[in-house]
């Protein structure tokens, strides 16, 4: 792929639109610009790890990830490294430290370890030719999709940093995990056809549920929508109850989670990353008037069922 084609694809993805949708209260454009640059780099690298030259080479993925982490945590690390991704994250995190609160940047940097670990794990599954169980998916999937990083970039753009003591409460923790899961599931649905065409469904919930339930693909998609909407109903109810008892910093954080969930959904309807695909048996996602499953009782999956316990 030439530079011109790579540039066209990156612009079509609309990373800047995603960042603006989720960081609605950003201070100026500095944070939006640096985070958009980071997102373009990571989405391109993600494609190489998912469907490109590194998709079945976990040792190489880990080596690249270790180098990136070193540079993320110290801009002076690996000064002779000329890799384009290394250069990008070096520039982004150097600028971020000049822009955002130190705590927010540290959380963002730490979140990269989760993302890279998830990507390397998926690559290892693919190299072994082994599909993920549902339990494994519910544990590893949010790491691979970089859901935590999406939360941290909002704080960087908006120059906020909610105290850790407030994030550690069980109710806020459940709310955060539910938001990450909603981002994960919607991304899986949007990207299903692309990943299916590349034989890279190891970390997609539709394929995982299909195998877990022993059903047809169309039914698995319906089950995915139901689980997404059930979690959405939990998220909305839990966000409302938590906000009523919170101070301004935590209320701001809860609003940031809400903006992430809604912004990610809207971006998926417009980004060429998801919309440029050949029509198949999986229909394009559509807006619904009501949830496919609005129950406020936990699903039969212990890895996430504890979130619903925080309602009471």
Protein backbone atom coordinates (compact mmCIF):
# COMPACT_ATOMS: atom_id res chain seq x y z
CA UNK A 1 0.00 0.00 0.00
CA UNK A 2 1.43 3.37 -1.05
CA UNK A 3 1.58 6.46 1.13
CA UNK A 4 -1.26 8.14 -0.79
CA UNK A 5 -3.58 5.15 -0.34
CA UNK A 6 -2.64 4.83 3.33
CA UNK A 7 -3.42 8.52 3.85
CA UNK A 8 -6.77 8.16 2.07
CA UNK A 9 -7.78 5.25 4.28
CA UNK A 10 -6.71 6.98 7.48
CA UNK A 11 -8.69 10.10 6.62
CA UNK A 12 -11.72 8.00 5.70
CA UNK A 13 -11.67 6.28 9.09
CA UNK A 14 -12.56 9.58 10.70
CA UNK A 15 -10.45 9.20 13.84
CA UNK A 16 -10.83 12.91 14.47
CA UNK A 17 -14.62 12.51 14.39
CA UNK A 18 -14.46 9.68 16.93
CA UNK A 19 -12.34 11.73 19.32
CA UNK A 20 -14.59 14.77 18.99
CA UNK A 21 -17.67 12.65 19.62
CA UNK A 22 -16.38 11.10 22.82
CA UNK A 23 -14.47 14.11 24.22
CA UNK A 24 -17.32 16.57 23.85
CA UNK A 25 -16.00 18.93 26.51
CA UNK A 26 -12.40 19.07 25.30
CA UNK A 27 -10.40 22.18 26.15
CA UNK A 28 -9.34 23.65 22.83
CA UNK A 29 -8.00 21.46 20.04
CA UNK A 30 -4.55 20.46 21.33
CA UNK A 31 -5.75 17.31 23.07
CA UNK A 32 -8.07 16.40 20.21
CA UNK A 33 -5.22 16.68 17.70
CA UNK A 34 -2.71 14.59 19.60
CA UNK A 35 -5.24 11.89 20.48
CA UNK A 36 -6.47 11.73 16.86
CA UNK A 37 -2.87 11.21 15.76
CA UNK A 38 -2.44 8.43 18.29
CA UNK A 39 -5.69 6.76 17.22
CA UNK A 40 -4.70 6.75 13.54
CA UNK A 41 -1.43 5.04 14.44
CA UNK A 42 -3.06 2.48 16.70
CA UNK A 43 -5.86 1.59 14.27
CA UNK A 44 -3.30 1.03 11.53
CA UNK A 45 -1.12 -1.07 13.82
CA UNK A 46 -4.21 -2.97 14.99
CA UNK A 47 -4.95 -3.95 11.39
CA UNK A 48 -1.40 -5.28 10.97
CA UNK A 49 -1.80 -7.35 14.13
CA UNK A 50 -5.30 -8.56 13.27
CA UNK A 51 -5.16 -9.24 9.55
CA UNK A 52 -1.73 -8.19 8.28
CA UNK A 53 1.84 -9.42 8.31
CA UNK A 54 1.98 -9.81 12.10
CA UNK A 55 -1.39 -11.49 12.61
CA UNK A 56 0.13 -14.88 13.48
CA UNK A 57 3.43 -13.80 15.02
CA UNK A 58 2.89 -13.24 18.77
CA UNK A 59 6.59 -12.99 19.59
CA UNK A 60 7.02 -10.15 17.09
CA UNK A 61 3.89 -8.43 18.38
CA UNK A 62 5.24 -8.62 21.92
CA UNK A 63 8.62 -7.24 20.83
CA UNK A 64 6.99 -4.26 19.11
CA UNK A 65 4.66 -3.72 22.06
CA UNK A 66 7.56 -3.73 24.53
CA UNK A 67 9.38 -1.09 22.47
CA UNK A 68 6.27 1.06 22.21
CA UNK A 69 5.67 0.82 25.96
CA UNK A 70 9.24 1.86 26.68
CA UNK A 71 8.87 4.94 24.50
CA UNK A 72 5.42 5.75 25.86
CA UNK A 73 6.79 5.78 29.38
CA UNK A 74 9.99 7.64 28.46
CA UNK A 75 10.30 9.70 25.29
CA UNK A 76 14.11 9.41 25.48
CA UNK A 77 14.01 5.61 25.25
CA UNK A 78 15.19 3.93 22.02
CA UNK A 79 16.44 7.19 20.43
CA UNK A 80 17.73 5.40 17.31
CA UNK A 81 14.47 3.59 16.61
CA UNK A 82 13.06 4.74 13.24
CA UNK A 83 9.82 2.75 13.19
CA UNK A 84 6.87 4.96 12.22
CA UNK A 85 4.72 3.78 15.13
CA UNK A 86 7.47 4.41 17.65
CA UNK A 87 7.97 7.90 16.25
CA UNK A 88 4.26 8.61 16.47
CA UNK A 89 3.74 7.54 20.08
CA UNK A 90 6.95 9.30 21.13
CA UNK A 91 5.61 12.56 19.72
CA UNK A 92 2.08 12.06 21.06
CA UNK A 93 3.03 11.28 24.65
CA UNK A 94 5.67 14.00 24.78
CA UNK A 95 3.01 16.52 23.78
CA UNK A 96 0.43 14.96 26.11
CA UNK A 97 2.70 15.46 29.12
CA UNK A 98 2.91 19.13 28.27
CA UNK A 99 -0.85 19.40 27.92
CA UNK A 100 -2.83 17.23 30.34
CA UNK A 101 -2.68 16.48 34.09
CA UNK A 102 0.13 14.08 34.94
CA UNK A 103 -2.33 11.59 36.46
CA UNK A 104 -4.43 11.50 33.29
CA UNK A 105 -1.38 10.90 31.08
CA UNK A 106 -0.07 8.20 33.43
CA UNK A 107 -3.40 6.38 33.32
CA UNK A 108 -3.41 6.61 29.53
CA UNK A 109 0.14 5.28 29.33
CA UNK A 110 -0.69 2.42 31.72
CA UNK A 111 -3.75 1.50 29.66
CA UNK A 112 -1.51 0.75 26.69
CA UNK A 113 -0.12 -2.28 28.53
CA UNK A 114 -3.64 -3.75 28.69
CA UNK A 115 -4.23 -3.08 24.99
CA UNK A 116 -0.94 -4.60 23.87
CA UNK A 117 -1.34 -7.63 26.15
CA UNK A 118 -4.79 -8.23 24.71
CA UNK A 119 -3.53 -7.94 21.14
CA UNK A 120 -0.64 -10.32 21.77
CA UNK A 121 -2.97 -12.84 23.41
CA UNK A 122 -5.32 -12.81 20.43
CA UNK A 123 -2.37 -13.23 18.08
CA UNK A 124 -1.26 -16.26 20.09
CA UNK A 125 -4.73 -17.81 19.83
CA UNK A 126 -4.65 -17.23 16.08
CA UNK A 127 -1.17 -18.71 15.72
CA UNK A 128 -2.32 -21.84 17.53
CA UNK A 129 -5.50 -22.05 15.47
CA UNK A 130 -7.55 -22.11 18.66
CA UNK A 131 -10.86 -20.33 19.10
CA UNK A 132 -11.68 -18.46 22.28
CA UNK A 133 -14.24 -19.68 24.80
CA UNK A 134 -16.88 -17.20 25.93
CA UNK A 135 -15.23 -16.92 29.34
CA UNK A 136 -11.90 -16.14 27.71
CA UNK A 137 -13.53 -13.60 25.44
CA UNK A 138 -15.22 -11.77 28.31
CA UNK A 139 -11.82 -11.47 30.01
CA UNK A 140 -9.53 -10.76 27.06
CA UNK A 141 -11.84 -8.98 24.62
CA UNK A 142 -11.96 -5.61 26.43
CA UNK A 143 -8.15 -5.60 26.56
CA UNK A 144 -7.76 -6.30 22.86
CA UNK A 145 -10.20 -3.57 21.84
CA UNK A 146 -8.43 -0.96 23.95
CA UNK A 147 -11.59 -0.03 25.80
CA UNK A 148 -9.75 1.39 28.79
CA UNK A 149 -7.60 3.60 26.57
CA UNK A 150 -10.75 5.13 25.14
CA UNK A 151 -11.74 6.27 28.61
CA UNK A 152 -8.32 7.69 29.40
CA UNK A 153 -8.07 9.74 26.20
CA UNK A 154 -11.22 11.62 27.18
CA UNK A 155 -9.59 12.74 30.40
CA UNK A 156 -6.50 13.81 28.44
CA UNK A 157 -8.56 15.85 25.97
CA UNK A 158 -10.68 17.42 28.71
CA UNK A 159 -7.76 17.81 31.13
CA UNK A 160 -9.50 16.06 34.01
CA UNK A 161 -8.47 13.31 36.43
CA UNK A 162 -11.06 11.95 38.84
CA UNK A 163 -9.45 10.80 42.13
CA UNK A 164 -8.56 7.12 42.16
CA UNK A 165 -10.40 6.59 45.44
CA UNK A 166 -13.67 7.39 43.66
CA UNK A 167 -12.91 5.05 40.75
CA UNK A 168 -12.24 2.18 43.14
CA UNK A 169 -15.76 1.97 44.56
CA UNK A 170 -17.56 -1.23 43.43
CA UNK A 171 -20.41 0.70 41.82
CA UNK A 172 -18.14 3.00 39.81
CA UNK A 173 -15.95 0.06 38.88
CA UNK A 174 -18.98 -1.83 37.56
CA UNK A 175 -20.14 1.23 35.65
CA UNK A 176 -16.71 1.61 34.06
CA UNK A 177 -16.55 -2.06 33.09
CA UNK A 178 -20.04 -1.91 31.59
CA UNK A 179 -19.03 1.10 29.47
CA UNK A 180 -15.93 -0.73 28.25
CA UNK A 181 -18.02 -3.77 27.38
CA UNK A 182 -20.51 -1.68 25.40
CA UNK A 183 -17.65 -0.22 23.37
CA UNK A 184 -16.28 -3.72 22.82
CA UNK A 185 -19.54 -5.28 21.65
CA UNK A 186 -20.52 -2.48 19.29
CA UNK A 187 -17.04 -2.52 17.74
CA UNK A 188 -17.35 -6.28 17.25
CA UNK A 189 -20.69 -5.93 15.48
CA UNK A 190 -19.49 -3.09 13.27
CA UNK A 191 -16.29 -4.91 12.29
CA UNK A 192 -17.71 -8.44 12.00
CA UNK A 193 -17.85 -8.56 8.21
CA UNK A 194 -14.34 -7.14 7.80
CA UNK A 195 -12.87 -9.58 10.31
CA UNK A 196 -14.83 -12.49 8.81
CA UNK A 197 -13.45 -11.75 5.34
CA UNK A 198 -9.91 -11.89 6.77
CA UNK A 199 -10.47 -15.00 8.87
CA UNK A 200 -9.83 -13.04 12.05
CA UNK A 201 -12.86 -13.71 14.26
CA UNK A 202 -10.91 -14.99 17.27
CA UNK A 203 -11.90 -11.97 19.35
CA UNK A 204 -15.37 -11.24 17.99
CA UNK A 205 -18.36 -11.80 20.24
CA UNK A 206 -20.68 -12.87 17.41
CA UNK A 207 -18.48 -15.82 16.51
CA UNK A 208 -17.81 -16.60 20.19
CA UNK A 209 -21.52 -16.67 21.07
CA UNK A 210 -22.29 -18.76 18.01
CA UNK A 211 -19.90 -21.45 19.20
CA UNK A 212 -20.93 -21.12 22.85
CA UNK A 213 -24.66 -21.42 22.11
CA UNK A 214 -24.33 -23.81 19.17
CA UNK A 215 -26.57 -21.65 16.99
CA UNK A 216 -26.60 -20.14 13.50
CA UNK A 217 -24.74 -16.95 12.77
CA UNK A 218 -27.87 -14.81 12.43
CA UNK A 219 -29.12 -16.02 15.82
CA UNK A 220 -25.72 -15.24 17.36
CA UNK A 221 -26.00 -11.69 16.07
CA UNK A 222 -29.44 -11.36 17.69
CA UNK A 223 -28.03 -12.72 20.95
CA UNK A 224 -25.20 -10.21 20.74
CA UNK A 225 -27.66 -7.35 20.28
CA UNK A 226 -29.69 -8.57 23.25
CA UNK A 227 -26.64 -8.76 25.51
CA UNK A 228 -25.51 -5.31 24.36
CA UNK A 229 -28.93 -3.77 25.06
CA UNK A 230 -29.26 -5.52 28.40
CA UNK A 231 -25.90 -4.06 29.41
CA UNK A 232 -26.94 -0.67 28.08
CA UNK A 233 -30.04 -0.68 30.30
CA UNK A 234 -27.84 -1.54 33.27
CA UNK A 235 -25.39 1.22 32.36
CA UNK A 236 -28.09 3.88 32.10
CA UNK A 237 -29.75 2.91 35.37
CA UNK A 238 -26.46 2.58 37.24
CA UNK A 239 -25.15 5.88 35.84
CA UNK A 240 -28.28 7.67 37.00
CA UNK A 241 -28.19 6.22 40.51
CA UNK A 242 -24.47 6.83 40.94
CA UNK A 243 -24.64 10.42 39.68
CA UNK A 244 -27.29 11.33 42.23
CA UNK A 245 -24.90 10.52 45.08
CA UNK A 246 -21.73 11.94 43.53
CA UNK A 247 -19.74 15.15 43.69
CA UNK A 248 -18.82 17.21 40.61
CA UNK A 249 -15.65 15.28 39.73
CA UNK A 250 -17.35 11.90 39.67
CA UNK A 251 -20.41 13.26 37.87
CA UNK A 252 -18.07 14.60 35.19
CA UNK A 253 -16.44 11.17 34.89
CA UNK A 254 -19.82 9.44 34.55
CA UNK A 255 -20.75 11.90 31.81
CA UNK A 256 -17.48 11.08 30.08
CA UNK A 257 -18.40 7.38 30.15
CA UNK A 258 -21.80 8.21 28.69
CA UNK A 259 -20.20 10.28 25.94
CA UNK A 260 -17.86 7.40 25.15
CA UNK A 261 -20.70 4.91 24.81
CA UNK A 262 -22.91 7.15 22.66
CA UNK A 263 -20.04 8.62 20.64
CA UNK A 264 -18.66 5.20 19.78
CA UNK A 265 -22.07 4.01 18.61
CA UNK A 266 -22.59 7.04 16.39
CA UNK A 267 -19.08 6.88 14.95
CA UNK A 268 -19.62 3.27 13.92
CA UNK A 269 -22.50 4.32 11.68
CA UNK A 270 -20.31 6.72 9.68
CA UNK A 271 -16.68 5.54 9.76
CA UNK A 272 -15.36 3.97 6.57
CA UNK A 273 -13.55 1.49 8.80
CA UNK A 274 -16.91 -0.19 9.31
CA UNK A 275 -19.18 1.03 6.50
CA UNK A 276 -16.99 0.18 3.49
CA UNK A 277 -17.81 -3.48 3.16
CA UNK A 278 -19.49 -5.89 0.78
CA UNK A 279 -23.06 -6.69 1.82
CA UNK A 280 -23.33 -10.10 3.45
CA UNK A 281 -25.54 -12.11 5.72
CA UNK A 282 -24.70 -9.84 8.62
CA UNK A 283 -26.82 -6.72 8.15
CA UNK A 284 -25.54 -3.20 8.71
CA UNK A 285 -26.25 -2.06 12.27
CA UNK A 286 -29.44 -0.07 12.62
CA UNK A 287 -30.87 2.16 15.34
CA UNK A 288 -33.67 0.58 17.35
CA UNK A 289 -36.67 2.18 19.00
CA UNK A 290 -36.47 -0.10 22.03
CA UNK A 291 -33.90 -2.50 23.55
CA UNK A 292 -33.75 -6.05 22.31
CA UNK A 293 -33.48 -7.08 25.97
CA UNK A 294 -34.32 -4.56 28.67
CA UNK A 295 -34.16 -6.81 31.70
CA UNK A 296 -32.28 -5.54 34.74
CA UNK A 297 -31.32 -9.03 35.88
CA UNK A 298 -27.81 -10.39 35.28
CA UNK A 299 -27.05 -12.61 32.28
CA UNK A 300 -25.80 -16.16 32.94
CA UNK A 301 -22.15 -15.20 32.60
CA UNK A 302 -20.34 -14.90 35.95
CA UNK A 303 -17.50 -12.84 34.47
CA UNK A 304 -19.88 -9.86 34.12
CA UNK A 305 -22.94 -10.77 36.22
CA UNK A 306 -21.54 -8.95 39.27
CA UNK A 307 -22.14 -5.61 37.56
CA UNK A 308 -25.89 -6.01 38.05
CA UNK A 309 -25.40 -6.60 41.77
CA UNK A 310 -24.35 -2.96 42.10
CA UNK A 311 -27.89 -1.82 41.29
CA UNK A 312 -29.18 -2.84 44.70
